C-alpha atoms as a PDB file:
ATOM      1  CA  MET A   1      53.897  66.811 -42.636  1.00  0.00           C
ATOM      2  CA  ASN A   2      50.553  66.301 -44.292  1.00  0.00           C
ATOM      3  CA  ILE A   3      47.520  67.949 -42.724  1.00  0.00           C
ATOM      4  CA  GLY A   4      46.033  64.704 -42.222  1.00  0.00           C
ATOM      5  CA  ASP A   5      48.709  63.428 -40.074  1.00  0.00           C
ATOM      6  CA  LYS A   6      48.851  66.588 -38.047  1.00  0.00           C
ATOM      7  CA  ILE A   7      45.242  66.113 -37.163  1.00  0.00           C
ATOM      8  CA  LYS A   8      45.890  62.706 -35.925  1.00  0.00           C
ATOM      9  CA  LYS A   9      48.963  64.013 -33.892  1.00  0.00           C
ATOM     10  CA  LEU A  10      46.565  66.751 -32.330  1.00  0.00           C
ATOM     11  CA  ARG A  11      43.740  64.221 -31.752  1.00  0.00           C
ATOM     12  CA  LYS A  12      46.076  61.882 -30.038  1.00  0.00           C
ATOM     13  CA  TYR A  13      47.497  64.723 -27.824  1.00  0.00           C
ATOM     14  CA  ARG A  14      43.785  65.270 -26.693  1.00  0.00           C
ATOM     15  CA  GLY A  15      43.666  61.470 -25.867  1.00  0.00           C
ATOM     16  CA  TRP A  16      40.443  61.171 -28.315  1.00  0.00           C
ATOM     17  CA  THR A  17      39.047  58.702 -30.581  1.00  0.00           C
ATOM     18  CA  GLN A  18      38.347  59.450 -34.126  1.00  0.00           C
ATOM     19  CA  GLU A  19      34.599  59.168 -32.882  1.00  0.00           C
ATOM     20  CA  GLN A  20      35.368  61.486 -30.150  1.00  0.00           C
ATOM     21  CA  MET A  21      37.238  63.942 -32.480  1.00  0.00           C
ATOM     22  CA  ALA A  22      34.234  63.763 -34.844  1.00  0.00           C
ATOM     23  CA  GLY A  23      31.826  64.415 -32.275  1.00  0.00           C
ATOM     24  CA  GLU A  24      33.744  67.538 -30.970  1.00  0.00           C
ATOM     25  CA  CYS A  25      34.137  68.906 -34.390  1.00  0.00           C
ATOM     26  CA  GLY A  26      30.566  68.287 -35.590  1.00  0.00           C
ATOM     27  CA  LEU A  27      31.761  65.913 -38.179  1.00  0.00           C
ATOM     28  CA  SER A  28      31.462  62.160 -39.070  1.00  0.00           C
ATOM     29  CA  LYS A  29      34.009  59.596 -38.002  1.00  0.00           C
ATOM     30  CA  ASN A  30      34.286  58.651 -41.576  1.00  0.00           C
ATOM     31  CA  ALA A  31      35.630  62.148 -42.400  1.00  0.00           C
ATOM     32  CA  ILE A  32      38.246  61.872 -39.620  1.00  0.00           C
ATOM     33  CA  TRP A  33      39.358  58.803 -40.783  1.00  0.00           C
ATOM     34  CA  ASN A  34      39.586  60.069 -44.367  1.00  0.00           C
ATOM     35  CA  TYR A  35      41.453  63.077 -43.270  1.00  0.00           C
ATOM     36  CA  GLU A  36      43.980  61.198 -41.342  1.00  0.00           C
ATOM     37  CA  ASN A  37      44.606  58.594 -43.979  1.00  0.00           C
ATOM     38  CA  ARG A  38      45.101  61.337 -46.861  1.00  0.00           C
ATOM     39  CA  LYS A  39      41.927  60.093 -48.662  1.00  0.00           C
ATOM     40  CA  ARG A  40      40.549  63.760 -48.414  1.00  0.00           C
ATOM     41  CA  THR A  41      41.897  67.171 -47.509  1.00  0.00           C
ATOM     42  CA  PRO A  42      39.729  69.317 -45.246  1.00  0.00           C
ATOM     43  CA  ASN A  43      38.825  72.751 -46.585  1.00  0.00           C
ATOM     44  CA  ILE A  44      39.238  75.905 -44.628  1.00  0.00           C
ATOM     45  CA  GLU A  45      35.842  75.896 -43.141  1.00  0.00           C
ATOM     46  CA  THR A  46      36.424  72.268 -41.618  1.00  0.00           C
ATOM     47  CA  LEU A  47      40.065  73.191 -40.381  1.00  0.00           C
ATOM     48  CA  SER A  48      38.180  75.982 -38.568  1.00  0.00           C
ATOM     49  CA  LYS A  49      36.045  73.539 -36.854  1.00  0.00           C
ATOM     50  CA  VAL A  50      38.986  71.213 -35.778  1.00  0.00           C
ATOM     51  CA  ALA A  51      40.744  74.279 -34.467  1.00  0.00           C
ATOM     52  CA  GLU A  52      37.613  75.544 -32.146  1.00  0.00           C
ATOM     53  CA  ALA A  53      37.057  71.971 -31.119  1.00  0.00           C
ATOM     54  CA  LEU A  54      40.962  71.927 -29.790  1.00  0.00           C
ATOM     55  CA  HIS A  55      40.351  75.588 -28.397  1.00  0.00           C
ATOM     56  CA  ILE A  56      43.297  77.067 -30.581  1.00  0.00           C
ATOM     57  CA  SER A  57      42.964  79.346 -33.504  1.00  0.00           C
ATOM     58  CA  LEU A  58      43.194  78.536 -37.041  1.00  0.00           C
ATOM     59  CA  ASN A  59      46.676  80.182 -37.270  1.00  0.00           C
ATOM     60  CA  GLU A  60      47.799  78.275 -34.451  1.00  0.00           C
ATOM     61  CA  LEU A  61      46.586  75.056 -36.131  1.00  0.00           C
ATOM     62  CA  LEU A  62      48.210  75.853 -39.208  1.00  0.00           C
ATOM     63  CA  ASP A  63      51.410  76.886 -37.350  1.00  0.00           C
ATOM     64  CA  PHE A  64      51.494  73.513 -35.927  1.00  0.00           C
ATOM     65  CA  VAL A  65      50.989  71.870 -39.118  1.00  0.00           C
ATOM     66  CA  GLY A  66      54.499  73.382 -40.298  1.00  0.00           C
ATOM     67  CA  LYS A  67      56.612  72.492 -37.093  1.00  0.00           C
ATOM     68  CA  SER A  68      59.797  70.837 -37.407  1.00  0.00           C
ATOM     69  CA  PHE A  69      60.316  67.558 -35.483  1.00  0.00           C
ATOM     70  CA  SER A  70      62.925  69.169 -33.339  1.00  0.00           C
ATOM     71  CA  LYS A  71      60.575  72.081 -32.473  1.00  0.00           C
ATOM     72  CA  ASN A  72      57.957  69.838 -31.292  1.00  0.00           C
ATOM     73  CA  LEU A  73      60.563  67.865 -29.500  1.00  0.00           C
ATOM     74  CA  ILE A  74      61.864  71.022 -27.662  1.00  0.00           C
ATOM     75  CA  GLU A  75      58.503  72.331 -26.857  1.00  0.00           C
ATOM     76  CA  SER A  76      57.137  68.943 -25.417  1.00  0.00           C
ATOM     77  CA  ILE A  77      60.277  68.463 -23.326  1.00  0.00           C
ATOM     78  CA  LEU A  78      59.689  72.165 -21.905  1.00  0.00           C
ATOM     79  CA  LYS A  79      56.393  70.944 -20.485  1.00  0.00           C
ATOM     80  CA  MET A  80      57.994  68.065 -18.692  1.00  0.00           C
ATOM     81  CA  ASN A  81      56.670  67.748 -15.113  1.00  0.00           C
ATOM     82  CA  TYR A  82      60.450  67.477 -14.094  1.00  0.00           C
ATOM     83  CA  ILE A  83      61.482  70.565 -15.842  1.00  0.00           C
ATOM     84  CA  THR A  84      58.510  72.869 -14.694  1.00  0.00           C
ATOM     85  CA  ILE A  85      58.300  71.267 -11.085  1.00  0.00           C
ATOM     86  CA  ALA A  86      60.732  73.718  -9.715  1.00  0.00           C
ATOM     87  CA  ASP A  87      60.416  76.794 -11.746  1.00  0.00           C
ATOM     88  CA  GLU A  88      58.108  77.379 -14.801  1.00  0.00           C
ATOM     89  CA  SER A  89      60.022  80.368 -15.917  1.00  0.00           C
ATOM     90  CA  LEU A  90      61.407  79.517 -19.623  1.00  0.00           C
ATOM     91  CA  GLU A  91      64.809  80.587 -19.077  1.00  0.00           C
ATOM     92  CA  TYR A  92      65.306  78.241 -16.105  1.00  0.00           C
ATOM     93  CA  ASN A  93      63.662  75.403 -18.288  1.00  0.00           C
ATOM     94  CA  PHE A  94      66.275  76.089 -21.141  1.00  0.00           C
ATOM     95  CA  LYS A  95      69.079  75.983 -18.152  1.00  0.00           C
ATOM     96  CA  THR A  96      67.547  72.507 -16.947  1.00  0.00           C
ATOM     97  CA  ILE A  97      67.863  71.045 -20.520  1.00  0.00           C
ATOM     98  CA  LEU A  98      71.367  72.330 -20.986  1.00  0.00           C
ATOM     99  CA  ARG A  99      72.519  70.935 -17.940  1.00  0.00           C
ATOM    100  CA  HIS A 100      71.420  67.596 -18.758  1.00  0.00           C
ATOM    101  CA  THR A 101      72.216  67.352 -22.508  1.00  0.00           C
ATOM    102  CA  GLY A 102      74.902  69.957 -23.188  1.00  0.00           C
ATOM    103  CA  ILE A 103      72.778  71.550 -26.031  1.00  0.00           C
ATOM    104  CA  ALA A 104      73.340  75.403 -25.994  1.00  0.00           C
ATOM    105  CA  ILE A 105      70.339  77.500 -25.226  1.00  0.00           C
ATOM    106  CA  ASP A 106      70.771  79.471 -28.447  1.00  0.00           C
ATOM    107  CA  SER A 107      70.664  76.249 -30.384  1.00  0.00           C
ATOM    108  CA  LEU A 108      67.217  75.373 -28.631  1.00  0.00           C
ATOM    109  CA  LYS A 109      66.064  78.785 -29.029  1.00  0.00           C
ATOM    110  CA  ASN A 110      67.109  79.179 -32.512  1.00  0.00           C
ATOM    111  CA  CYS A 111      65.398  75.794 -33.594  1.00  0.00           C
ATOM    112  CA  ILE A 112      62.003  77.118 -32.145  1.00  0.00           C
ATOM    113  CA  GLU A 113      62.178  80.780 -33.402  1.00  0.00           C
ATOM    114  CA  ASN A 114      63.262  79.773 -36.957  1.00  0.00           C
ATOM    115  CA  ASN A 115      61.263  76.172 -37.026  1.00  0.00           C
ATOM    116  CA  ILE A 116      64.398  74.181 -37.986  1.00  0.00           C
ATOM    117  CA  ASP A 117      65.928  70.933 -36.892  1.00  0.00           C
ATOM    118  CA  LEU A 118      68.782  70.034 -34.592  1.00  0.00           C
ATOM    119  CA  PRO A 119      71.352  67.757 -35.723  1.00  0.00           C
ATOM    120  CA  ILE A 120      70.398  64.088 -35.361  1.00  0.00           C
ATOM    121  CA  GLN A 121      73.124  63.644 -32.358  1.00  0.00           C
ATOM    122  CA  GLU A 122      71.300  66.538 -30.402  1.00  0.00           C
ATOM    123  CA  GLN A 123      67.770  65.130 -31.214  1.00  0.00           C
ATOM    124  CA  MET A 124      69.074  61.852 -29.684  1.00  0.00           C
ATOM    125  CA  GLN A 125      70.182  63.436 -26.754  1.00  0.00           C
ATOM    126  CA  LEU A 126      66.921  65.215 -26.006  1.00  0.00           C
ATOM    127  CA  LEU A 127      65.158  61.994 -26.516  1.00  0.00           C
ATOM    128  CA  SER A 128      67.507  60.220 -24.132  1.00  0.00           C
ATOM    129  CA  PHE A 129      67.091  63.013 -21.468  1.00  0.00           C
ATOM    130  CA  TRP A 130      63.144  63.000 -21.605  1.00  0.00           C
ATOM    131  CA  ASN A 131      63.331  59.165 -21.466  1.00  0.00           C
ATOM    132  CA  GLU A 132      65.728  58.781 -18.716  1.00  0.00           C
ATOM    133  CA  TRP A 133      63.639  61.076 -16.195  1.00  0.00           C
ATOM    134  CA  GLU A 134      60.647  58.659 -16.747  1.00  0.00           C
ATOM    135  CA  PHE A 135      62.367  56.384 -14.293  1.00  0.00           C
ATOM    136  CA  HIS A 136      63.497  59.025 -11.933  1.00  0.00           C
ATOM    137  CA  GLU A 137      63.143  57.793  -8.201  1.00  0.00           C
ATOM    138  CA  ASP A 138      61.339  60.769  -7.215  1.00  0.00           C
ATOM    139  CA  GLY A 139      58.436  59.872  -9.819  1.00  0.00           C
ATOM    140  CA  TYR A 140      57.277  61.906 -12.861  1.00  0.00           C
ATOM    141  CA  GLY A 141      54.705  59.413 -14.025  1.00  0.00           C
ATOM    142  CA  ASP A 142      53.068  61.543 -16.465  1.00  0.00           C
ATOM    143  CA  ASP A 143      56.332  62.215 -18.358  1.00  0.00           C
ATOM    144  CA  LYS A 144      56.467  58.627 -19.135  1.00  0.00           C
ATOM    145  CA  ILE A 145      52.823  58.790 -20.836  1.00  0.00           C
ATOM    146  CA  GLU A 146      53.795  62.065 -22.748  1.00  0.00           C
ATOM    147  CA  PHE A 147      56.865  60.624 -24.081  1.00  0.00           C
ATOM    148  CA  GLU A 148      55.225  57.406 -25.790  1.00  0.00           C
ATOM    149  CA  GLU A 149      52.460  59.739 -27.063  1.00  0.00           C
ATOM    150  CA  PHE A 150      55.266  61.898 -28.967  1.00  0.00           C
ATOM    151  CA  ILE A 151      56.910  58.964 -30.149  1.00  0.00           C
ATOM    152  CA  ASP A 152      53.476  57.321 -31.376  1.00  0.00           C
ATOM    153  CA  VAL A 153      52.141  60.874 -33.013  1.00  0.00           C
ATOM    154  CA  ASN A 154      55.622  61.513 -34.331  1.00  0.00           C
ATOM    155  CA  ARG A 155      56.117  57.898 -35.873  1.00  0.00           C
ATOM    156  CA  GLU A 156      56.122  58.787 -39.679  1.00  0.00           C
ATOM    157  CA  GLU A 157      58.860  61.690 -39.273  1.00  0.00           C
ATOM    158  CA  ILE A 158      60.742  59.172 -36.990  1.00  0.00           C
ATOM    159  CA  ASN A 159      60.691  56.364 -39.427  1.00  0.00           C
ATOM    160  CA  ASN A 160      62.161  58.853 -42.042  1.00  0.00           C
ATOM    161  CA  GLN A 161      65.278  59.278 -40.154  1.00  0.00           C
ATOM    162  CA  PRO A 162      66.788  55.585 -39.747  1.00  0.00           C
ATOM    163  CA  LEU A 163      69.516  56.595 -37.323  1.00  0.00           C
ATOM    164  CA  LEU A 164      66.770  58.222 -34.973  1.00  0.00           C
ATOM    165  CA  SER A 165      64.247  55.267 -35.333  1.00  0.00           C
ATOM    166  CA  LYS A 166      66.770  52.874 -34.372  1.00  0.00           C
ATOM    167  CA  TYR A 167      68.022  54.789 -31.371  1.00  0.00           C
ATOM    168  CA  ILE A 168      64.284  55.273 -30.242  1.00  0.00           C
ATOM    169  CA  LYS A 169      63.903  51.177 -30.674  1.00  0.00           C
ATOM    170  CA  THR A 170      67.042  51.013 -28.322  1.00  0.00           C
ATOM    171  CA  LEU A 171      65.319  53.383 -25.887  1.00  0.00           C
ATOM    172  CA  LEU A 172      62.024  51.679 -25.729  1.00  0.00           C
ATOM    173  CA  LYS A 173      63.831  48.222 -25.347  1.00  0.00           C
ATOM    174  CA  GLU A 174      65.765  49.341 -22.414  1.00  0.00           C
ATOM    175  CA  ASP A 175      62.610  50.667 -20.977  1.00  0.00           C
ATOM    176  CA  SER A 176      61.014  47.205 -21.119  1.00  0.00           C
ATOM    177  CA  THR A 177      63.809  45.555 -19.717  1.00  0.00           C
ATOM    178  CA  LYS A 178      63.629  48.028 -16.661  1.00  0.00           C
ATOM    179  CA  ASN A 179      59.993  47.376 -16.049  1.00  0.00           C
ATOM    180  CA  ASN A 180      60.163  43.472 -16.493  1.00  0.00           C
ATOM    181  CA  LEU A 181      63.026  43.575 -13.864  1.00  0.00           C
ATOM    182  CA  GLU A 182      61.192  45.828 -11.432  1.00  0.00           C
ATOM    183  CA  LYS A 183      57.835  43.329 -11.504  1.00  0.00           C
ATOM    184  CA  MET A 184      59.980  40.416 -11.308  1.00  0.00           C
ATOM    185  CA  LEU A 185      61.787  41.581  -8.328  1.00  0.00           C
ATOM    186  CA  ASP A 186      58.339  42.755  -6.849  1.00  0.00           C
ATOM    187  CA  LEU A 187      56.897  39.252  -7.207  1.00  0.00           C
ATOM    188  CA  LEU A 188      60.125  37.708  -5.737  1.00  0.00           C
ATOM    189  CA  GLU A 189      59.745  39.718  -2.755  1.00  0.00           C
ATOM    190  CA  GLN A 190      56.264  39.140  -2.082  1.00  0.00           C
ATOM    191  CA  ASN A 191      56.891  35.408  -2.035  1.00  0.00           C
ATOM    192  CA  SER A 192      59.717  35.832   0.401  1.00  0.00           C
ATOM    193  CA  PHE A 193      62.390  35.231  -2.105  1.00  0.00           C
ATOM    194  CA  ARG A 194      66.049  36.309  -1.535  1.00  0.00           C
ATOM    195  CA  VAL A 195      68.193  37.617  -4.247  1.00  0.00           C
ATOM    196  CA  SER A 196      71.837  37.397  -3.435  1.00  0.00           C
ATOM    197  CA  GLY A 197      74.931  37.984  -5.712  1.00  0.00           C
ATOM    198  CA  PHE A 198      78.222  36.270  -5.659  1.00  0.00           C
ATOM    199  CA  ASN A 199      81.116  35.617  -7.783  1.00  0.00           C
ATOM    200  CA  ASN A 200      81.699  32.265  -9.724  1.00  0.00           C
ATOM    201  CA  ASN A 201      84.900  31.813 -11.776  1.00  0.00           C
ATOM    202  CA  GLU A 202      84.838  35.819 -12.279  1.00  0.00           C
ATOM    203  CA  ASN A 203      81.582  35.772 -13.352  1.00  0.00           C
ATOM    204  CA  ASN A 204      78.832  37.969 -11.349  1.00  0.00           C
ATOM    205  CA  GLU A 205      75.746  35.417 -10.631  1.00  0.00           C
ATOM    206  CA  ILE A 206      72.557  36.021  -8.840  1.00  0.00           C
ATOM    207  CA  SER A 207      71.142  33.143  -6.621  1.00  0.00           C
ATOM    208  CA  ILE A 208      67.168  33.271  -6.003  1.00  0.00           C
ATOM    209  CA  SER A 209      65.646  31.271  -3.480  1.00  0.00           C
ATOM    210  CA  ASN A 210      63.665  31.138  -0.171  1.00  0.00           C
ATOM    211  CA  ASP A 211      63.360  28.923   2.592  1.00  0.00           C
ATOM    212  CA  HIS A 212      61.472  26.263   0.706  1.00  0.00           C
ATOM    213  CA  VAL A 213      62.991  26.549  -2.994  1.00  0.00           C
ATOM    214  CA  SER A 214      65.890  27.466  -5.175  1.00  0.00           C
ATOM    215  CA  ILE A 215      64.984  28.756  -8.588  1.00  0.00           C
ATOM    216  CA  LYS A 216      68.142  29.130 -10.146  1.00  0.00           C
ATOM    217  CA  ASN A 217      71.653  30.601 -10.191  1.00  0.00           C
ATOM    218  CA  VAL A 218      72.055  32.911 -13.149  1.00  0.00           C
ATOM    219  CA  SER A 219      74.406  35.197 -14.738  1.00  0.00           C
ATOM    220  CA  GLU A 220      73.822  38.809 -13.742  1.00  0.00           C
ATOM    221  CA  THR A 221      74.312  40.031 -17.551  1.00  0.00           C
ATOM    222  CA  LYS A 222      71.452  37.437 -18.397  1.00  0.00           C
ATOM    223  CA  LEU A 223      69.044  38.231 -15.873  1.00  0.00           C
ATOM    224  CA  ALA A 224      66.506  40.052 -18.121  1.00  0.00           C
ATOM    225  CA  ASP A 225      66.655  37.317 -20.781  1.00  0.00           C
ATOM    226  CA  THR A 226      65.656  34.606 -18.314  1.00  0.00           C
ATOM    227  CA  TYR A 227      62.751  36.969 -16.945  1.00  0.00           C
ATOM    228  CA  ASP A 228      59.677  34.764 -18.435  1.00  0.00           C
ATOM    229  CA  ASP A 229      61.307  31.477 -16.976  1.00  0.00           C
ATOM    230  CA  ILE A 230      61.770  33.030 -13.480  1.00  0.00           C
ATOM    231  CA  ILE A 231      58.250  34.547 -13.426  1.00  0.00           C
ATOM    232  CA  LYS A 232      56.867  31.125 -14.668  1.00  0.00           C
ATOM    233  CA  LYS A 233      58.773  29.396 -11.856  1.00  0.00           C
ATOM    234  CA  VAL A 234      57.561  31.855  -9.115  1.00  0.00           C
ATOM    235  CA  ASN A 235      53.884  31.432 -10.338  1.00  0.00           C
ATOM    236  CA  SER A 236      53.965  27.634 -10.228  1.00  0.00           C
ATOM    237  CA  TYR A 237      55.535  27.858  -6.409  1.00  0.00           C
ATOM    238  CA  THR A 238      52.777  30.361  -5.473  1.00  0.00           C
ATOM    239  CA  LYS A 239      50.173  27.937  -6.954  1.00  0.00           C
ATOM    240  CA  PHE A 240      51.598  25.169  -5.256  1.00  0.00           C
ATOM    241  CA  LEU A 241      51.324  27.122  -1.703  1.00  0.00           C
ATOM    242  CA  ILE A 242      47.741  27.976  -2.759  1.00  0.00           C
ATOM    243  CA  GLU A 243      46.820  24.348  -3.415  1.00  0.00           C
ATOM    244  CA  GLU A 244      48.332  23.148  -0.348  1.00  0.00           C
ATOM    245  CA  GLU A 245      46.591  25.563   1.851  1.00  0.00           C
ATOM    246  CA  LEU A 246      43.465  24.457   0.277  1.00  0.00           C
ATOM    247  CA  LEU A 247      44.014  20.840   0.722  1.00  0.00           C
ATOM    248  CA  LYS A 248      44.900  21.727   4.482  1.00  0.00           C
ATOM    249  CA  LEU A 249      41.386  23.639   4.740  1.00  0.00           C
ATOM    250  CA  HIS A 250      39.468  20.669   3.043  1.00  0.00           C
ATOM    251  CA  ASN A 251      41.252  18.166   5.478  1.00  0.00           C
ATOM    252  CA  ASN A 252      40.322  20.268   8.387  1.00  0.00           C
ATOM    253  CA  LEU A 253      36.702  20.563   7.291  1.00  0.00           C
ATOM    254  CA  ASN A 254      36.324  16.762   6.988  1.00  0.00           C
ATOM    255  CA  SER A 255      38.478  15.852  10.021  1.00  0.00           C
END
């Protein structure tokens, strides 16, 4: 990967804007933009400034530049809160990855030591494992942010692998669906709506209602597809209640 792409990757890992990165390195924002967009190539003196700002050695910076996608992926997963929360030892962490993905520890270590890529299928297994634990009920919220940042800063490498790119899009779409359903259920609960399931001609359907209004009966498999419609109707109901209460207040004040 181009040095400019890696500078961008490291900047995003730090959570810096181009302007912040420039300030830390003693460079102009325009210089950082040029490096990241391959308009100019930084010399060794500039790379030294970048390394110093990132609190790493120049050798570490150059090593980072040459890392394979799989090596970056494994090293990032090894820092997951879920991985390190019980035991920070590297051997334990490798065993945790093995337990969840089935990928041999020797393969993981070989990938890191020799800076090589794993087969696409194993890369998918690692990404799926990382993504799955974002939504673990015990909560490892930071892992969610780190996963999305990893996808963002490795976008070019991912896009160069069509199968991997398509798989990640599927994962992110599933995440969006989960988030939407969680938000919808929270909103329904706040407004005292009941969500109940029943069987209708061998199709599982869900009824959404409270003591005052019934929103709809919807197929369980199409619940996510009707998200916007349901949210709109709940919001309309909430607005109606607010207007009704305001009218009562107005009448009381004028009586």
